[in-house]
Amino acid sequence: MSSSTEKQPEVVAAVDLGSNSFHLIVARLHNGEVRVVDRLREMVRLGGGFDKQRRITPEAEQRALACLTRFGERLSGLPAECVRAVGTNTLRSAHDSGPLIEAMEQALGHPISIVSGVEEARLIYLGVAHSLAADGRRRLVMDIGGGSTELILGRGFKTRYMQSMYMGCVSMTQARFADGKITRKAVKRALLDVQMELEPVVAKFRKLGWDRPIGASGTIRAVDRVIRAVGWSKGGITLAALQQLKDNLLEIGQVEKLNQLPGLSEERVPVFAGGLMVLLGTFEALGIERMEVADGALREGLLYELVGRIRDEDIRSRSIEELALRYRLDIEHAARVKKEALNLLLQVSDSWELQDKAWRQLLGWAAQIYEIGLSIAHSQYHKHGAYIAEYSDLAGFSREEQKLLATLIRAHRRKFPVAVFRELPKSRRRPVQRLAVLLRLAVLFHRSRTGDAIPKVKLKIKKDLLQLRFPEEWLEQHPLTRSDLEQEAAYLAAADIKLIFS
């Protein structure tokens, strides 16, 4: 979690931990504009370092940690709220990646969030949109990463339809060109792989349609450079040029000899064949004739997303509001619970070390949607709600943030789920457990749902001892609340939290 600042920062940074390469982009905020001042990029090929159990190999881990140590040196001195680092396909699909991510965070000096494929697609589109002039046209944006390919339809800064496909330049090269030979059979099978992966979504993309295909990734830019260098196209990437390039690769016949291609860098040689197959196969499946190439990508999207959060333009808040509307929650009641929970937090934030703005946001969001599980059934609705919160595609949220949100919803009623908190990273367990206590009390105080104002409750904390003080005789006049508090004290005792009230 990041801490809040009263003064807008001057320098911000974004780190993109891709399956093929790691990127760092640093920008200065000046008069409302974002000016990039530094870029670092290293070909780490984390996605090429899987063993048979889908664990990242020690060699790939060392490459990643060495790179992030260098990135961390560049970011030295920047506060946490000014840096956003995300991991994509390899880190979200690797088995037992927790220890590695912790080591990577230590090397970088900043937290790392793992984003879903759909969230990755949204951030890519945001980066591309900021690199283009507004023209009102419908865009199809494509980004080929090391382990996944994102396809996004949108207009302006808004996305309409997004898909993350399980194919990339590294994974395709490993699947079809692992022996280093480029044969007609391997090319045919690679293109068929792409067709099969895209088959479930082709009809939807074609139905929605687009006016302007745009490519945004190292792979697509590499293909563009080669095509322009040999003179096959002067205005973007064409289907005809891709087919010529495919034939050229077949003539060369070996991956290691692709350095013969004009304009192709040495570091792109090992994964170029796989990336080309993904691009050509997508052109053929979607009927694309020509694609322009943009400069913006995931890291630029991260940067603009971070700036939006700093300026209180946080898309996560909009995602929560849209979720509440979609599931027809009682907005007014949720607002009362949220206000109560935040009032309680204000009283204990120092004692419980919850001063961080991010904890306040998390508690507020949980209060807004804690009843979302009612859309499935009243029985066990807190468990249903936790599932929805954790596994829905929520724009702006990382996987960990959704897990924390789901934990609060799961813990807002009935028995205090001690085991659920043990599933969280160690650094998050105690803060989230304390937020859950505050949410439980806020929900309890407004159980009647009448909208009647409750008196100001004073909450004092001494470690895990909570003391609630109500106005004199108020509890005697509200025996149901007293009974609820007695039950709550019993629930919290199971977590070694003592609740007393008077």
Protein backbone atom coordinates (compact mmCIF):
# COMPACT_ATOMS: atom_id res chain seq x y z
CA MET A 1 0.00 0.00 0.00
CA SER A 2 1.19 3.47 -0.79
CA SER A 3 1.06 6.49 1.43
CA SER A 4 -0.65 9.74 0.61
CA THR A 5 1.04 13.07 0.05
CA GLU A 6 -0.36 16.56 0.40
CA LYS A 7 1.90 18.06 -2.27
CA GLN A 8 1.75 16.70 -5.81
CA PRO A 9 5.04 14.95 -6.63
CA GLU A 10 7.33 16.25 -9.36
CA VAL A 11 8.66 12.88 -10.57
CA VAL A 12 6.79 9.60 -11.15
CA ALA A 13 7.86 6.24 -12.56
CA ALA A 14 6.31 3.07 -14.00
CA VAL A 15 7.86 -0.40 -14.21
CA ASP A 16 6.55 -3.00 -16.67
CA LEU A 17 7.73 -6.53 -15.82
CA GLY A 18 6.89 -8.27 -19.06
CA SER A 19 7.45 -11.89 -20.00
CA ASN A 20 10.14 -10.91 -22.50
CA SER A 21 11.60 -7.62 -21.30
CA PHE A 22 11.47 -5.29 -18.29
CA HIS A 23 10.88 -1.58 -18.83
CA LEU A 24 11.29 1.46 -16.59
CA ILE A 25 9.93 4.86 -17.56
CA VAL A 26 10.46 8.01 -15.49
CA ALA A 27 8.53 11.22 -16.06
CA ARG A 28 8.35 14.72 -14.64
CA LEU A 29 5.02 16.43 -13.96
CA HIS A 30 5.14 20.01 -15.15
CA ASN A 31 2.17 22.40 -15.43
CA GLY A 32 -0.25 19.51 -15.76
CA GLU A 33 1.82 17.74 -18.43
CA VAL A 34 3.66 14.42 -18.23
CA ARG A 35 7.17 14.68 -19.68
CA VAL A 36 9.23 11.49 -20.00
CA VAL A 37 12.80 12.11 -18.84
CA ASP A 38 14.28 8.61 -18.75
CA ARG A 39 13.72 5.10 -20.10
CA LEU A 40 15.47 1.86 -19.23
CA ARG A 41 14.85 -1.49 -20.90
CA GLU A 42 16.42 -4.91 -20.44
CA MET A 43 15.69 -8.18 -22.23
CA VAL A 44 15.16 -10.51 -19.27
CA ARG A 45 13.09 -13.26 -20.97
CA LEU A 46 11.43 -14.29 -17.74
CA GLY A 47 8.80 -16.17 -19.75
CA GLY A 48 11.50 -18.31 -21.32
CA GLY A 49 12.63 -19.55 -17.91
CA PHE A 50 9.90 -22.02 -16.96
CA ASP A 51 10.69 -25.56 -15.87
CA LYS A 52 8.30 -28.49 -16.38
CA GLN A 53 6.34 -27.56 -13.23
CA ARG A 54 5.77 -23.98 -14.49
CA ARG A 55 8.25 -22.66 -11.94
CA ILE A 56 10.66 -19.93 -12.99
CA THR A 57 14.19 -21.29 -13.21
CA PRO A 58 17.00 -19.99 -10.99
CA GLU A 59 18.78 -18.58 -14.06
CA ALA A 60 15.73 -16.53 -15.07
CA GLU A 61 15.26 -15.42 -11.47
CA GLN A 62 18.84 -14.13 -11.35
CA ARG A 63 18.37 -12.18 -14.58
CA ALA A 64 15.21 -10.62 -13.17
CA LEU A 65 16.74 -9.71 -9.80
CA ALA A 66 19.88 -8.26 -11.38
CA CYS A 67 17.76 -6.08 -13.67
CA LEU A 68 15.51 -4.88 -10.86
CA THR A 69 18.50 -4.05 -8.69
CA ARG A 70 19.63 -1.68 -11.44
CA PHE A 71 16.13 -0.27 -11.81
CA GLY A 72 15.96 0.16 -8.04
CA GLU A 73 19.11 2.27 -8.10
CA ARG A 74 17.46 4.60 -10.62
CA LEU A 75 14.33 4.83 -8.46
CA SER A 76 16.25 5.44 -5.24
CA GLY A 77 14.69 8.27 -3.30
CA LEU A 78 11.28 8.17 -4.98
CA PRO A 79 8.45 7.62 -2.47
CA ALA A 80 6.19 4.60 -2.89
CA GLU A 81 3.19 6.61 -4.09
CA CYS A 82 5.23 7.89 -7.04
CA VAL A 83 6.09 4.44 -8.45
CA ARG A 84 3.88 1.73 -9.88
CA ALA A 85 5.31 -1.63 -10.90
CA VAL A 86 3.25 -4.45 -12.42
CA GLY A 87 3.88 -8.03 -13.49
CA THR A 88 2.07 -9.58 -16.43
CA ASN A 89 1.58 -13.02 -17.97
CA THR A 90 4.64 -14.88 -16.67
CA LEU A 91 4.27 -13.74 -13.07
CA ARG A 92 0.51 -14.34 -13.01
CA SER A 93 0.85 -17.84 -14.47
CA ALA A 94 4.02 -19.05 -12.73
CA HIS A 95 3.58 -21.70 -10.05
CA ASP A 96 4.53 -20.68 -6.51
CA SER A 97 5.84 -17.26 -7.54
CA GLY A 98 5.26 -15.62 -4.13
CA PRO A 99 8.86 -15.89 -2.84
CA LEU A 100 10.25 -14.63 -6.15
CA ILE A 101 7.91 -11.63 -6.17
CA GLU A 102 8.99 -10.76 -2.63
CA ALA A 103 12.64 -10.94 -3.69
CA MET A 104 11.88 -8.80 -6.73
CA GLU A 105 10.15 -6.21 -4.56
CA GLN A 106 13.19 -6.08 -2.31
CA ALA A 107 15.52 -5.64 -5.29
CA LEU A 108 13.35 -2.91 -6.82
CA GLY A 109 12.59 -1.22 -3.52
CA HIS A 110 8.88 -0.91 -4.36
CA PRO A 111 5.76 -3.12 -4.28
CA ILE A 112 4.91 -5.14 -7.39
CA SER A 113 1.30 -5.73 -8.41
CA ILE A 114 0.25 -8.65 -10.61
CA VAL A 115 -2.49 -7.59 -13.05
CA SER A 116 -5.00 -9.74 -14.90
CA GLY A 117 -4.90 -10.09 -18.66
CA VAL A 118 -7.92 -7.82 -19.07
CA GLU A 119 -6.39 -5.16 -16.82
CA GLU A 120 -3.15 -5.42 -18.78
CA ALA A 121 -5.15 -4.84 -21.96
CA ARG A 122 -6.84 -1.76 -20.49
CA LEU A 123 -3.51 -0.25 -19.46
CA ILE A 124 -2.02 -0.94 -22.90
CA TYR A 125 -4.94 0.84 -24.54
CA LEU A 126 -4.54 3.79 -22.17
CA GLY A 127 -0.86 4.08 -23.12
CA VAL A 128 -1.63 3.91 -26.83
CA ALA A 129 -4.48 6.41 -26.57
CA HIS A 130 -2.20 8.96 -24.94
CA SER A 131 0.31 8.59 -27.77
CA LEU A 132 -2.23 9.33 -30.51
CA ALA A 133 -4.13 12.40 -31.57
CA ALA A 134 -7.86 12.22 -30.87
CA ASP A 135 -9.77 11.49 -34.07
CA GLY A 136 -13.01 9.88 -32.90
CA ARG A 137 -12.30 6.70 -34.87
CA ARG A 138 -12.85 3.17 -33.58
CA ARG A 139 -9.50 1.57 -32.78
CA LEU A 140 -8.30 -2.01 -32.68
CA VAL A 141 -5.14 -2.08 -30.55
CA MET A 142 -2.87 -5.13 -30.56
CA ASP A 143 0.08 -5.78 -28.23
CA ILE A 144 2.20 -8.93 -28.49
CA GLY A 145 4.04 -9.69 -25.28
CA GLY A 146 6.30 -12.58 -24.36
CA GLY A 147 3.53 -14.81 -23.03
CA SER A 148 0.25 -13.16 -24.00
CA THR A 149 -1.27 -10.99 -26.71
CA GLU A 150 -3.82 -8.32 -25.91
CA LEU A 151 -6.53 -7.16 -28.32
CA ILE A 152 -8.61 -4.10 -27.44
CA LEU A 153 -11.40 -2.22 -29.17
CA GLY A 154 -11.93 1.36 -28.07
CA ARG A 155 -12.56 4.96 -29.02
CA GLY A 156 -10.76 7.94 -27.50
CA PHE A 157 -9.69 6.93 -23.99
CA LYS A 158 -12.53 4.43 -23.48
CA THR A 159 -12.30 0.70 -24.11
CA ARG A 160 -15.25 -1.24 -25.45
CA TYR A 161 -14.08 -4.85 -25.69
CA MET A 162 -10.85 -6.49 -24.49
CA GLN A 163 -9.30 -9.93 -24.69
CA SER A 164 -6.00 -11.35 -23.45
CA MET A 165 -4.91 -14.35 -25.50
CA TYR A 166 -2.46 -17.01 -24.29
CA MET A 167 0.11 -16.61 -27.04
CA GLY A 168 3.21 -14.45 -27.27
CA CYS A 169 6.59 -14.19 -28.97
CA VAL A 170 8.38 -16.24 -26.31
CA SER A 171 5.71 -18.91 -25.78
CA MET A 172 5.13 -19.36 -29.53
CA THR A 173 8.86 -19.64 -30.22
CA GLN A 174 9.20 -22.27 -27.50
CA ALA A 175 6.16 -24.19 -28.78
CA ARG A 176 7.03 -24.28 -32.50
CA PHE A 177 10.65 -23.25 -33.02
CA ALA A 178 12.37 -24.65 -29.93
CA ASP A 179 14.81 -26.68 -32.06
CA GLY A 180 15.92 -23.52 -33.85
CA LYS A 181 14.56 -24.64 -37.23
CA ILE A 182 12.03 -22.65 -39.24
CA THR A 183 10.19 -25.19 -41.41
CA ARG A 184 6.96 -25.05 -43.37
CA LYS A 185 5.44 -27.57 -40.97
CA ALA A 186 6.37 -25.50 -37.90
CA VAL A 187 5.06 -22.30 -39.50
CA LYS A 188 1.80 -23.98 -40.51
CA ARG A 189 1.29 -25.36 -37.00
CA ALA A 190 2.13 -21.98 -35.42
CA LEU A 191 -0.41 -20.16 -37.58
CA LEU A 192 -2.99 -22.85 -36.76
CA ASP A 193 -2.26 -22.29 -33.03
CA VAL A 194 -3.08 -18.62 -33.48
CA GLN A 195 -6.27 -19.39 -35.39
CA MET A 196 -7.41 -21.79 -32.66
CA GLU A 197 -6.65 -19.31 -29.88
CA LEU A 198 -8.56 -16.53 -31.62
CA GLU A 199 -11.49 -18.64 -32.83
CA PRO A 200 -13.78 -17.96 -29.80
CA VAL A 201 -13.43 -14.15 -30.11
CA VAL A 202 -13.15 -13.48 -33.85
CA ALA A 203 -16.91 -13.15 -34.40
CA LYS A 204 -17.27 -10.62 -31.55
CA PHE A 205 -14.39 -8.47 -32.80
CA ARG A 206 -15.70 -8.47 -36.36
CA LYS A 207 -19.24 -7.68 -35.23
CA LEU A 208 -18.15 -4.66 -33.19
CA GLY A 209 -15.74 -3.55 -35.90
CA TRP A 210 -12.98 -0.95 -36.09
CA ASP A 211 -11.65 1.77 -38.36
CA ARG A 212 -8.02 1.97 -37.30
CA PRO A 213 -5.82 -1.06 -36.45
CA ILE A 214 -2.85 -0.09 -34.25
CA GLY A 215 0.09 -2.20 -33.10
CA ALA A 216 1.92 -1.50 -29.84
CA SER A 217 4.76 -3.71 -28.66
CA GLY A 218 8.41 -4.50 -29.15
CA THR A 219 7.52 -7.40 -31.44
CA ILE A 220 5.31 -5.31 -33.70
CA ARG A 221 7.81 -2.48 -33.81
CA ALA A 222 10.56 -4.97 -34.70
CA VAL A 223 8.48 -6.35 -37.56
CA ASP A 224 7.78 -2.82 -38.76
CA ARG A 225 11.49 -1.94 -38.79
CA VAL A 226 12.36 -5.02 -40.85
CA ILE A 227 9.55 -4.43 -43.35
CA ARG A 228 10.55 -0.81 -43.83
CA ALA A 229 14.26 -1.70 -44.09
CA VAL A 230 13.63 -4.07 -47.01
CA GLY A 231 11.16 -1.68 -48.64
CA TRP A 232 8.04 -3.87 -48.51
CA SER A 233 5.91 -1.14 -46.97
CA LYS A 234 6.34 2.55 -46.23
CA GLY A 235 3.05 3.11 -44.42
CA GLY A 236 2.64 0.64 -41.59
CA ILE A 237 2.52 -3.15 -41.61
CA THR A 238 0.55 -4.80 -44.42
CA LEU A 239 -0.71 -8.36 -44.77
CA ALA A 240 1.22 -8.74 -48.01
CA ALA A 241 4.45 -7.62 -46.30
CA LEU A 242 3.94 -10.10 -43.46
CA GLN A 243 3.48 -12.93 -45.92
CA GLN A 244 6.66 -11.91 -47.72
CA LEU A 245 8.50 -11.81 -44.41
CA LYS A 246 7.21 -15.28 -43.53
CA ASP A 247 8.55 -16.60 -46.83
CA ASN A 248 11.86 -14.88 -46.11
CA LEU A 249 12.10 -16.65 -42.75
CA LEU A 250 11.46 -19.99 -44.44
CA GLU A 251 14.31 -19.30 -46.86
CA ILE A 252 16.66 -18.48 -43.97
CA GLY A 253 15.50 -21.62 -42.20
CA GLN A 254 17.15 -21.17 -38.81
CA VAL A 255 16.34 -18.90 -35.86
CA GLU A 256 19.97 -18.10 -35.15
CA LYS A 257 20.46 -16.78 -38.72
CA LEU A 258 17.62 -14.25 -38.51
CA ASN A 259 20.22 -11.59 -37.74
CA GLN A 260 20.52 -11.45 -41.53
CA LEU A 261 17.26 -9.52 -41.61
CA PRO A 262 17.84 -5.77 -42.05
CA GLY A 263 16.72 -3.71 -39.08
CA LEU A 264 16.39 -6.63 -36.65
CA SER A 265 18.32 -6.20 -33.40
CA GLU A 266 20.34 -9.10 -31.99
CA GLU A 267 18.22 -9.30 -28.85
CA ARG A 268 15.05 -9.77 -30.93
CA VAL A 269 16.47 -12.63 -32.99
CA PRO A 270 15.60 -15.52 -30.57
CA VAL A 271 11.87 -14.67 -30.38
CA PHE A 272 11.23 -13.01 -33.72
CA ALA A 273 9.81 -16.06 -35.52
CA GLY A 274 7.23 -16.71 -32.81
CA GLY A 275 6.19 -13.08 -32.68
CA LEU A 276 5.79 -12.90 -36.45
CA MET A 277 3.52 -15.96 -36.44
CA VAL A 278 1.26 -14.37 -33.80
CA LEU A 279 1.04 -11.15 -35.79
CA LEU A 280 0.45 -12.81 -39.17
CA GLY A 281 -2.06 -15.27 -37.75
CA THR A 282 -4.03 -12.42 -36.16
CA PHE A 283 -4.04 -10.45 -39.43
CA GLU A 284 -5.45 -13.48 -41.23
CA ALA A 285 -8.01 -14.36 -38.54
CA LEU A 286 -9.40 -10.84 -38.15
CA GLY A 287 -9.05 -9.83 -41.81
CA ILE A 288 -6.61 -6.98 -41.14
CA GLU A 289 -5.00 -5.53 -44.28
CA ARG A 290 -2.85 -2.78 -42.75
CA MET A 291 -1.77 -1.79 -39.22
CA GLU A 292 -0.03 1.38 -38.07
CA VAL A 293 2.49 1.26 -35.24
CA ALA A 294 2.18 3.40 -32.09
CA ASP A 295 4.80 4.35 -29.51
CA GLY A 296 2.61 4.00 -26.41
CA ALA A 297 2.30 0.70 -24.55
CA LEU A 298 1.72 -0.78 -21.10
CA ARG A 299 4.36 1.29 -19.29
CA GLU A 300 2.93 4.55 -20.64
CA GLY A 301 -0.53 3.39 -19.58
CA LEU A 302 0.82 2.68 -16.10
CA LEU A 303 2.33 6.13 -15.95
CA TYR A 304 -0.89 7.94 -16.88
CA GLU A 305 -2.89 5.71 -14.54
CA LEU A 306 -0.53 6.63 -11.70
CA VAL A 307 -0.83 10.33 -12.47
CA GLY A 308 -4.62 9.96 -12.41
CA ARG A 309 -4.48 8.42 -8.95
CA ILE A 310 -2.26 11.22 -7.70
CA ARG A 311 -4.80 13.73 -9.01
CA ASP A 312 -7.70 11.86 -7.39
CA GLU A 313 -8.94 10.58 -10.75
CA ASP A 314 -8.85 6.96 -9.64
CA ILE A 315 -10.57 4.54 -12.00
CA ARG A 316 -10.83 2.02 -9.16
CA SER A 317 -13.48 4.19 -7.49
CA ARG A 318 -15.46 4.21 -10.72
CA SER A 319 -15.14 0.42 -10.96
CA ILE A 320 -16.64 0.04 -7.48
CA GLU A 321 -19.50 2.40 -8.30
CA GLU A 322 -20.25 0.53 -11.52
CA LEU A 323 -20.21 -2.79 -9.64
CA ALA A 324 -22.68 -1.43 -7.08
CA LEU A 325 -25.01 -0.30 -9.86
CA ARG A 326 -24.72 -3.54 -11.79
CA TYR A 327 -25.76 -5.60 -8.76
CA ARG A 328 -28.41 -3.10 -7.66
CA LEU A 329 -27.03 -2.50 -4.20
CA ASP A 330 -28.69 -0.18 -1.68
CA ILE A 331 -26.47 2.85 -2.44
CA GLU A 332 -27.83 5.03 0.37
CA HIS A 333 -27.39 2.36 3.02
CA ALA A 334 -23.87 1.59 1.79
CA ALA A 335 -23.02 5.29 2.02
CA ARG A 336 -24.09 5.34 5.68
CA VAL A 337 -21.98 2.28 6.45
CA LYS A 338 -19.01 3.77 4.60
CA LYS A 339 -19.27 7.04 6.51
CA GLU A 340 -19.45 5.18 9.82
CA ALA A 341 -16.49 2.93 8.98
CA LEU A 342 -14.33 5.88 7.96
CA ASN A 343 -15.28 7.78 11.12
CA LEU A 344 -14.13 4.82 13.20
CA LEU A 345 -10.94 4.60 11.17
CA LEU A 346 -10.20 8.25 11.82
CA GLN A 347 -10.29 7.60 15.58
CA VAL A 348 -7.84 4.69 15.50
CA SER A 349 -5.64 5.28 12.44
CA ASP A 350 -2.63 6.37 14.50
CA SER A 351 -2.93 3.68 17.18
CA TRP A 352 -3.42 0.94 14.61
CA GLU A 353 -0.93 2.33 12.06
CA LEU A 354 -3.60 2.77 9.38
CA GLN A 355 -2.72 6.34 8.35
CA ASP A 356 -2.02 5.28 4.77
CA LYS A 357 -4.52 6.73 2.28
CA ALA A 358 -4.71 3.34 0.56
CA TRP A 359 -6.14 1.66 3.68
CA ARG A 360 -8.84 4.33 3.86
CA GLN A 361 -9.67 3.72 0.20
CA LEU A 362 -9.84 -0.04 0.68
CA LEU A 363 -12.17 0.23 3.67
CA GLY A 364 -14.40 2.68 1.82
CA TRP A 365 -14.67 0.47 -1.24
CA ALA A 366 -15.48 -2.60 0.86
CA ALA A 367 -18.24 -0.68 2.63
CA GLN A 368 -19.75 0.32 -0.71
CA ILE A 369 -20.10 -3.26 -1.98
CA TYR A 370 -20.10 -5.49 1.11
CA GLU A 371 -23.65 -6.68 0.30
CA ILE A 372 -22.88 -7.64 -3.28
CA GLY A 373 -23.30 -11.34 -2.52
CA LEU A 374 -27.02 -10.80 -1.95
CA SER A 375 -27.38 -10.90 -5.74
CA ILE A 376 -26.75 -14.65 -5.47
CA ALA A 377 -28.42 -15.64 -2.19
CA HIS A 378 -28.93 -14.30 1.32
CA SER A 379 -27.50 -17.43 2.89
CA GLN A 380 -23.71 -17.07 3.11
CA TYR A 381 -23.90 -13.86 1.11
CA HIS A 382 -20.60 -12.63 2.55
CA LYS A 383 -18.87 -15.61 0.93
CA HIS A 384 -20.64 -15.05 -2.39
CA GLY A 385 -19.65 -11.39 -2.25
CA ALA A 386 -16.02 -12.21 -1.59
CA TYR A 387 -15.95 -14.44 -4.66
CA ILE A 388 -17.44 -11.73 -6.89
CA ALA A 389 -15.00 -9.13 -5.61
CA GLU A 390 -11.96 -11.35 -6.07
CA TYR A 391 -12.71 -12.74 -9.51
CA SER A 392 -14.54 -9.94 -11.34
CA ASP A 393 -12.63 -7.86 -13.87
CA LEU A 394 -12.32 -4.58 -11.96
CA ALA A 395 -10.55 -1.89 -13.95
CA GLY A 396 -7.60 -0.40 -12.10
CA PHE A 397 -7.30 -3.14 -9.47
CA SER A 398 -4.39 -5.54 -9.15
CA ARG A 399 -4.96 -9.15 -8.14
CA GLU A 400 -3.72 -8.47 -4.62
CA GLU A 401 -5.99 -5.45 -4.20
CA GLN A 402 -9.00 -7.53 -5.21
CA LYS A 403 -7.93 -10.25 -2.78
CA LEU A 404 -7.76 -7.70 0.07
CA LEU A 405 -11.15 -6.29 -0.91
CA ALA A 406 -12.63 -9.80 -1.03
CA THR A 407 -11.19 -10.59 2.40
CA LEU A 408 -12.91 -7.59 3.97
CA ILE A 409 -16.23 -8.56 2.41
CA ARG A 410 -15.80 -12.17 3.51
CA ALA A 411 -15.04 -11.05 7.09
CA HIS A 412 -17.74 -8.43 7.56
CA ARG A 413 -20.23 -10.71 9.36
CA ARG A 414 -20.70 -13.91 11.34
CA LYS A 415 -17.62 -15.75 12.62
CA PHE A 416 -14.35 -13.92 12.30
CA PRO A 417 -12.49 -15.95 9.59
CA VAL A 418 -9.00 -16.14 11.07
CA ALA A 419 -7.86 -18.69 8.49
CA VAL A 420 -8.79 -16.38 5.60
CA PHE A 421 -6.41 -13.69 6.86
CA ARG A 422 -3.57 -16.23 6.96
CA GLU A 423 -3.86 -16.50 3.17
CA LEU A 424 -2.73 -12.88 2.80
CA PRO A 425 0.90 -11.74 2.56
CA LYS A 426 2.33 -11.26 6.05
CA SER A 427 2.62 -7.50 5.70
CA ARG A 428 -1.10 -7.23 4.92
CA ARG A 429 -2.64 -9.57 7.52
CA ARG A 430 -2.80 -7.35 10.58
CA PRO A 431 -3.87 -4.13 8.80
CA VAL A 432 -6.64 -5.90 6.87
CA GLN A 433 -7.79 -7.71 9.98
CA ARG A 434 -8.11 -4.38 11.77
CA LEU A 435 -10.00 -2.86 8.84
CA ALA A 436 -12.36 -5.83 8.96
CA VAL A 437 -13.14 -5.09 12.62
CA LEU A 438 -14.04 -1.50 11.74
CA LEU A 439 -16.26 -2.62 8.86
CA ARG A 440 -18.02 -5.17 11.09
CA LEU A 441 -18.80 -2.48 13.67
CA ALA A 442 -20.06 -0.04 11.03
CA VAL A 443 -22.36 -2.71 9.58
CA LEU A 444 -23.58 -3.64 13.06
CA PHE A 445 -24.43 -0.03 13.97
CA HIS A 446 -26.60 0.28 10.84
CA ARG A 447 -28.22 -3.11 10.95
CA SER A 448 -31.72 -1.61 11.28
CA ARG A 449 -31.35 0.09 7.85
CA THR A 450 -33.76 2.82 8.95
CA GLY A 451 -31.44 5.66 8.10
CA ASP A 452 -31.83 7.06 11.61
CA ALA A 453 -28.67 8.78 12.79
CA ILE A 454 -26.80 6.94 15.49
CA PRO A 455 -24.98 8.86 18.20
CA LYS A 456 -21.28 9.57 17.85
CA VAL A 457 -19.47 6.53 19.16
CA LYS A 458 -16.06 6.95 20.74
CA LEU A 459 -13.59 4.18 19.98
CA LYS A 460 -10.37 3.75 21.92
CA ILE A 461 -7.70 1.22 21.07
CA LYS A 462 -4.94 -0.35 23.11
CA LYS A 463 -3.25 -2.96 20.92
CA ASP A 464 -6.02 -5.56 20.46
CA LEU A 465 -8.36 -4.14 23.09
CA LEU A 466 -11.27 -2.12 21.71
CA GLN A 467 -13.39 0.08 23.94
CA LEU A 468 -16.64 1.54 22.60
CA ARG A 469 -18.30 4.33 24.53
CA PHE A 470 -21.88 5.39 23.77
CA PRO A 471 -23.82 8.36 25.18
CA GLU A 472 -25.24 7.68 28.61
CA GLU A 473 -28.26 5.32 28.64
CA TRP A 474 -28.21 4.94 24.85
CA LEU A 475 -27.49 1.20 24.96
CA GLU A 476 -30.26 0.68 27.56
CA GLN A 477 -32.64 2.27 25.07
CA HIS A 478 -31.38 0.07 22.25
CA PRO A 479 -31.24 -3.50 23.61
CA LEU A 480 -30.92 -5.04 20.14
CA THR A 481 -27.67 -3.17 19.51
CA ARG A 482 -26.39 -4.26 22.92
CA SER A 483 -27.23 -7.87 22.07
CA ASP A 484 -25.46 -7.53 18.71
CA LEU A 485 -22.38 -6.14 20.43
CA GLU A 486 -22.31 -9.01 22.89
CA GLN A 487 -22.39 -11.46 19.99
CA GLU A 488 -19.68 -9.48 18.20
CA ALA A 489 -17.46 -9.58 21.27
CA ALA A 490 -17.72 -13.37 21.20
CA TYR A 491 -16.85 -13.49 17.49
CA LEU A 492 -13.80 -11.24 17.91
CA ALA A 493 -12.54 -13.18 20.92
CA ALA A 494 -11.77 -16.05 18.54
CA ALA A 495 -9.15 -13.78 16.94
CA ASP A 496 -7.79 -12.70 20.33
CA ILE A 497 -9.43 -9.30 19.98
CA LYS A 498 -11.23 -8.05 23.07
CA LEU A 499 -14.26 -5.79 22.65
CA ILE A 500 -15.82 -3.96 25.59
CA PHE A 501 -18.56 -1.33 25.47
CA SER A 502 -20.50 0.91 27.77
